[in-house]
């Protein structure tokens, strides 16, 4: 992948990671799941990396 395609794929991955984060928030708010702090930190790190890759 080069240039535009790589950026588009990273944007897609970023959207998916943010969607997972939102689903975790909803699951916690409904009391259906407890999201581990380490998992949340790892997801935040992935999102941060993808943000930097899309610039």
PDB file of N, CA and C in Angstrom:
ATOM      1  N   UNK A   1       0.837  -1.184   0.000  1.00  0.00           N
ATOM      2  CA  UNK A   1       0.000   0.000   0.000  1.00  0.00           C
ATOM      3  C   UNK A   1       0.877   1.241   0.000  1.00  0.00           C
ATOM      4  N   UNK A   2       0.452   2.202  -0.720  1.00  0.00           N
ATOM      5  CA  UNK A   2       1.192   3.451  -0.771  1.00  0.00           C
ATOM      6  C   UNK A   2       0.234   4.622  -0.569  1.00  0.00           C
ATOM      7  N   UNK A   3       0.794   5.680  -0.009  1.00  0.00           N
ATOM      8  CA  UNK A   3       0.090   6.956   0.095  1.00  0.00           C
ATOM      9  C   UNK A   3      -1.362   6.882   0.477  1.00  0.00           C
ATOM     10  N   UNK A   4      -2.215   7.184  -0.486  1.00  0.00           N
ATOM     11  CA  UNK A   4      -3.642   7.316  -0.239  1.00  0.00           C
ATOM     12  C   UNK A   4      -4.302   6.060   0.305  1.00  0.00           C
ATOM     13  N   UNK A   5      -3.959   4.911  -0.268  1.00  0.00           N
ATOM     14  CA  UNK A   5      -4.570   3.664   0.204  1.00  0.00           C
ATOM     15  C   UNK A   5      -4.169   3.356   1.628  1.00  0.00           C
ATOM     16  N   UNK A   6      -2.924   3.567   1.972  1.00  0.00           N
ATOM     17  CA  UNK A   6      -2.468   3.306   3.348  1.00  0.00           C
ATOM     18  C   UNK A   6      -3.230   4.215   4.315  1.00  0.00           C
ATOM     19  N   UNK A   7      -3.348   5.486   3.965  1.00  0.00           N
ATOM     20  CA  UNK A   7      -4.061   6.425   4.838  1.00  0.00           C
ATOM     21  C   UNK A   7      -5.520   6.008   4.992  1.00  0.00           C
ATOM     22  N   UNK A   8      -6.148   5.608   3.897  1.00  0.00           N
ATOM     23  CA  UNK A   8      -7.551   5.182   3.970  1.00  0.00           C
ATOM     24  C   UNK A   8      -7.720   3.952   4.859  1.00  0.00           C
ATOM     25  N   UNK A   9      -6.815   2.990   4.745  1.00  0.00           N
ATOM     26  CA  UNK A   9      -6.901   1.787   5.577  1.00  0.00           C
ATOM     27  C   UNK A   9      -6.694   2.134   7.043  1.00  0.00           C
ATOM     28  N   UNK A  10      -5.765   3.062   7.314  1.00  0.00           N
ATOM     29  CA  UNK A  10      -5.547   3.495   8.701  1.00  0.00           C
ATOM     30  C   UNK A  10      -6.762   4.235   9.232  1.00  0.00           C
ATOM     31  N   UNK A  11      -7.410   5.027   8.401  1.00  0.00           N
ATOM     32  CA  UNK A  11      -8.626   5.718   8.828  1.00  0.00           C
ATOM     33  C   UNK A  11      -9.744   4.720   9.132  1.00  0.00           C
ATOM     34  N   UNK A  12      -9.834   3.671   8.319  1.00  0.00           N
ATOM     35  CA  UNK A  12     -10.831   2.625   8.569  1.00  0.00           C
ATOM     36  C   UNK A  12     -10.548   1.933   9.898  1.00  0.00           C
ATOM     37  N   UNK A  13      -9.283   1.592  10.130  1.00  0.00           N
ATOM     38  CA  UNK A  13      -8.899   0.948  11.390  1.00  0.00           C
ATOM     39  C   UNK A  13      -9.166   1.870  12.574  1.00  0.00           C
ATOM     40  N   UNK A  14      -8.906   3.154  12.408  1.00  0.00           N
ATOM     41  CA  UNK A  14      -9.160   4.127  13.468  1.00  0.00           C
ATOM     42  C   UNK A  14     -10.653   4.185  13.799  1.00  0.00           C
ATOM     43  N   UNK A  15     -11.471   4.217  12.780  1.00  0.00           N
ATOM     44  CA  UNK A  15     -12.918   4.220  13.007  1.00  0.00           C
ATOM     45  C   UNK A  15     -13.383   2.977  13.747  1.00  0.00           C
ATOM     46  N   UNK A  16     -12.833   1.836  13.377  1.00  0.00           N
ATOM     47  CA  UNK A  16     -13.195   0.584  14.042  1.00  0.00           C
ATOM     48  C   UNK A  16     -12.739   0.576  15.494  1.00  0.00           C
ATOM     49  N   UNK A  17     -11.535   1.074  15.749  1.00  0.00           N
ATOM     50  CA  UNK A  17     -11.024   1.116  17.128  1.00  0.00           C
ATOM     51  C   UNK A  17     -11.880   2.049  17.982  1.00  0.00           C
ATOM     52  N   UNK A  18     -12.272   3.161  17.421  1.00  0.00           N
ATOM     53  CA  UNK A  18     -13.140   4.083  18.166  1.00  0.00           C
ATOM     54  C   UNK A  18     -14.512   3.464  18.412  1.00  0.00           C
ATOM     55  N   UNK A  19     -14.986   2.678  17.463  1.00  0.00           N
ATOM     56  CA  UNK A  19     -16.269   1.989  17.639  1.00  0.00           C
ATOM     57  C   UNK A  19     -16.177   0.965  18.771  1.00  0.00           C
ATOM     58  N   UNK A  20     -15.083   0.238  18.838  1.00  0.00           N
ATOM     59  CA  UNK A  20     -14.877  -0.722  19.930  1.00  0.00           C
ATOM     60  C   UNK A  20     -14.865   0.009  21.266  1.00  0.00           C
ATOM     61  N   UNK A  21     -14.181   1.152  21.308  1.00  0.00           N
ATOM     62  CA  UNK A  21     -14.122   1.947  22.534  1.00  0.00           C
ATOM     63  C   UNK A  21     -15.527   2.393  22.962  1.00  0.00           C
ATOM     64  N   UNK A  22     -16.316   2.830  22.001  1.00  0.00           N
ATOM     65  CA  UNK A  22     -17.683   3.264  22.302  1.00  0.00           C
ATOM     66  C   UNK A  22     -18.534   2.097  22.793  1.00  0.00           C
ATOM     67  N   UNK A  23     -18.361   0.923  22.200  1.00  0.00           N
ATOM     68  CA  UNK A  23     -19.102  -0.266  22.634  1.00  0.00           C
ATOM     69  C   UNK A  23     -18.730  -0.640  24.062  1.00  0.00           C
ATOM     70  N   UNK A  24     -17.453  -0.504  24.397  1.00  0.00           N
ATOM     71  CA  UNK A  24     -17.015  -0.773  25.774  1.00  0.00           C
ATOM     72  C   UNK A  24     -17.678   0.210  26.739  1.00  0.00           C
ATOM     73  N   UNK A  25     -17.754   1.477  26.341  1.00  0.00           N
ATOM     74  CA  UNK A  25     -18.402   2.489  27.179  1.00  0.00           C
ATOM     75  C   UNK A  25     -19.865   2.143  27.424  1.00  0.00           C
ATOM     76  N   UNK A  26     -20.552   1.735  26.373  1.00  0.00           N
ATOM     77  CA  UNK A  26     -21.972   1.396  26.491  1.00  0.00           C
ATOM     78  C   UNK A  26     -22.151   0.162  27.369  1.00  0.00           C
ATOM     79  N   UNK A  27     -21.323  -0.855  27.150  1.00  0.00           N
ATOM     80  CA  UNK A  27     -21.421  -2.078  27.953  1.00  0.00           C
ATOM     81  C   UNK A  27     -21.211  -1.776  29.434  1.00  0.00           C
ATOM     82  N   UNK A  28     -20.264  -0.911  29.738  1.00  0.00           N
ATOM     83  CA  UNK A  28     -20.041  -0.528  31.136  1.00  0.00           C
ATOM     84  C   UNK A  28     -21.213   0.267  31.692  1.00  0.00           C
ATOM     85  N   UNK A  29     -21.725   1.204  30.889  1.00  0.00           N
ATOM     86  CA  UNK A  29     -22.837   2.036  31.350  1.00  0.00           C
ATOM     87  C   UNK A  29     -24.083   1.193  31.642  1.00  0.00           C
ATOM     88  N   UNK A  30     -24.270   0.136  30.878  1.00  0.00           N
ATOM     89  CA  UNK A  30     -25.435  -0.735  31.082  1.00  0.00           C
ATOM     90  C   UNK A  30     -25.196  -1.781  32.163  1.00  0.00           C
ATOM     91  N   UNK A  31     -23.961  -1.850  32.643  1.00  0.00           N
ATOM     92  CA  UNK A  31     -23.638  -2.840  33.658  1.00  0.00           C
ATOM     93  C   UNK A  31     -23.473  -4.245  33.106  1.00  0.00           C
ATOM     94  N   UNK A  32     -23.317  -4.343  31.798  1.00  0.00           N
ATOM     95  CA  UNK A  32     -23.200  -5.652  31.157  1.00  0.00           C
ATOM     96  C   UNK A  32     -21.773  -6.184  31.177  1.00  0.00           C
ATOM     97  N   UNK A  33     -20.806  -5.295  31.383  1.00  0.00           N
ATOM     98  CA  UNK A  33     -19.395  -5.718  31.370  1.00  0.00           C
ATOM     99  C   UNK A  33     -18.565  -4.729  32.174  1.00  0.00           C
ATOM    100  N   UNK A  34     -17.452  -5.223  32.653  1.00  0.00           N
ATOM    101  CA  UNK A  34     -16.466  -4.382  33.334  1.00  0.00           C
ATOM    102  C   UNK A  34     -15.227  -4.377  32.454  1.00  0.00           C
ATOM    103  N   UNK A  35     -14.850  -3.214  31.949  1.00  0.00           N
ATOM    104  CA  UNK A  35     -13.697  -3.112  31.060  1.00  0.00           C
ATOM    105  C   UNK A  35     -12.451  -2.889  31.907  1.00  0.00           C
ATOM    106  N   UNK A  36     -11.509  -3.794  31.762  1.00  0.00           N
ATOM    107  CA  UNK A  36     -10.250  -3.746  32.492  1.00  0.00           C
ATOM    108  C   UNK A  36      -9.463  -2.492  32.110  1.00  0.00           C
ATOM    109  N   UNK A  37      -8.856  -1.848  33.104  1.00  0.00           N
ATOM    110  CA  UNK A  37      -8.077  -0.633  32.862  1.00  0.00           C
ATOM    111  C   UNK A  37      -6.920  -0.845  31.910  1.00  0.00           C
ATOM    112  N   UNK A  38      -6.278  -2.009  31.996  1.00  0.00           N
ATOM    113  CA  UNK A  38      -5.159  -2.307  31.101  1.00  0.00           C
ATOM    114  C   UNK A  38      -5.637  -2.438  29.657  1.00  0.00           C
ATOM    115  N   UNK A  39      -6.814  -3.034  29.476  1.00  0.00           N
ATOM    116  CA  UNK A  39      -7.358  -3.171  28.128  1.00  0.00           C
ATOM    117  C   UNK A  39      -7.722  -1.802  27.566  1.00  0.00           C
ATOM    118  N   UNK A  40      -8.307  -0.963  28.410  1.00  0.00           N
ATOM    119  CA  UNK A  40      -8.676   0.387  27.973  1.00  0.00           C
ATOM    120  C   UNK A  40      -7.427   1.189  27.595  1.00  0.00           C
ATOM    121  N   UNK A  41      -6.369   1.061  28.391  1.00  0.00           N
ATOM    122  CA  UNK A  41      -5.116   1.770  28.096  1.00  0.00           C
ATOM    123  C   UNK A  41      -4.518   1.290  26.781  1.00  0.00           C
ATOM    124  N   UNK A  42      -4.589  -0.013  26.558  1.00  0.00           N
ATOM    125  CA  UNK A  42      -4.046  -0.551  25.303  1.00  0.00           C
ATOM    126  C   UNK A  42      -4.849  -0.057  24.109  1.00  0.00           C
ATOM    127  N   UNK A  43      -6.169  -0.042  24.235  1.00  0.00           N
ATOM    128  CA  UNK A  43      -7.027   0.460  23.162  1.00  0.00           C
ATOM    129  C   UNK A  43      -6.750   1.938  22.903  1.00  0.00           C
ATOM    130  N   UNK A  44      -6.585   2.732  23.946  1.00  0.00           N
ATOM    131  CA  UNK A  44      -6.259   4.148  23.786  1.00  0.00           C
ATOM    132  C   UNK A  44      -4.925   4.335  23.075  1.00  0.00           C
ATOM    133  N   UNK A  45      -3.963   3.461  23.387  1.00  0.00           N
ATOM    134  CA  UNK A  45      -2.657   3.545  22.727  1.00  0.00           C
ATOM    135  C   UNK A  45      -2.779   3.219  21.236  1.00  0.00           C
ATOM    136  N   UNK A  46      -3.581   2.218  20.920  1.00  0.00           N
ATOM    137  CA  UNK A  46      -3.810   1.853  19.515  1.00  0.00           C
ATOM    138  C   UNK A  46      -4.459   3.017  18.780  1.00  0.00           C
ATOM    139  N   UNK A  47      -5.461   3.620  19.397  1.00  0.00           N
ATOM    140  CA  UNK A  47      -6.142   4.762  18.774  1.00  0.00           C
ATOM    141  C   UNK A  47      -5.149   5.905  18.553  1.00  0.00           C
ATOM    142  N   UNK A  48      -4.323   6.189  19.545  1.00  0.00           N
ATOM    143  CA  UNK A  48      -3.325   7.246  19.403  1.00  0.00           C
ATOM    144  C   UNK A  48      -2.352   6.975  18.270  1.00  0.00           C
ATOM    145  N   UNK A  49      -1.919   5.732  18.154  1.00  0.00           N
ATOM    146  CA  UNK A  49      -1.009   5.362  17.067  1.00  0.00           C
ATOM    147  C   UNK A  49      -1.675   5.558  15.712  1.00  0.00           C
ATOM    148  N   UNK A  50      -2.924   5.134  15.601  1.00  0.00           N
ATOM    149  CA  UNK A  50      -3.635   5.295  14.333  1.00  0.00           C
ATOM    150  C   UNK A  50      -3.872   6.757  13.991  1.00  0.00           C
ATOM    151  N   UNK A  51      -4.129   7.582  14.996  1.00  0.00           N
ATOM    152  CA  UNK A  51      -4.292   9.019  14.753  1.00  0.00           C
ATOM    153  C   UNK A  51      -3.004   9.581  14.150  1.00  0.00           C
ATOM    154  N   UNK A  52      -1.870   9.213  14.741  1.00  0.00           N
ATOM    155  CA  UNK A  52      -0.591   9.699  14.213  1.00  0.00           C
ATOM    156  C   UNK A  52      -0.322   9.179  12.799  1.00  0.00           C
ATOM    157  N   UNK A  53      -0.762   7.974  12.503  1.00  0.00           N
ATOM    158  CA  UNK A  53      -0.535   7.408  11.169  1.00  0.00           C
ATOM    159  C   UNK A  53      -1.398   8.066  10.090  1.00  0.00           C
ATOM    160  N   UNK A  54      -2.479   8.694  10.489  1.00  0.00           N
ATOM    161  CA  UNK A  54      -3.383   9.292   9.497  1.00  0.00           C
ATOM    162  C   UNK A  54      -3.078  10.748   9.210  1.00  0.00           C
ATOM    163  N   UNK A  55      -2.102  11.294   9.881  1.00  0.00           N
ATOM    164  CA  UNK A  55      -1.744  12.705   9.641  1.00  0.00           C
ATOM    165  C   UNK A  55      -0.870  12.852   8.446  1.00  0.00           C
TER     166      UNK A  55
END
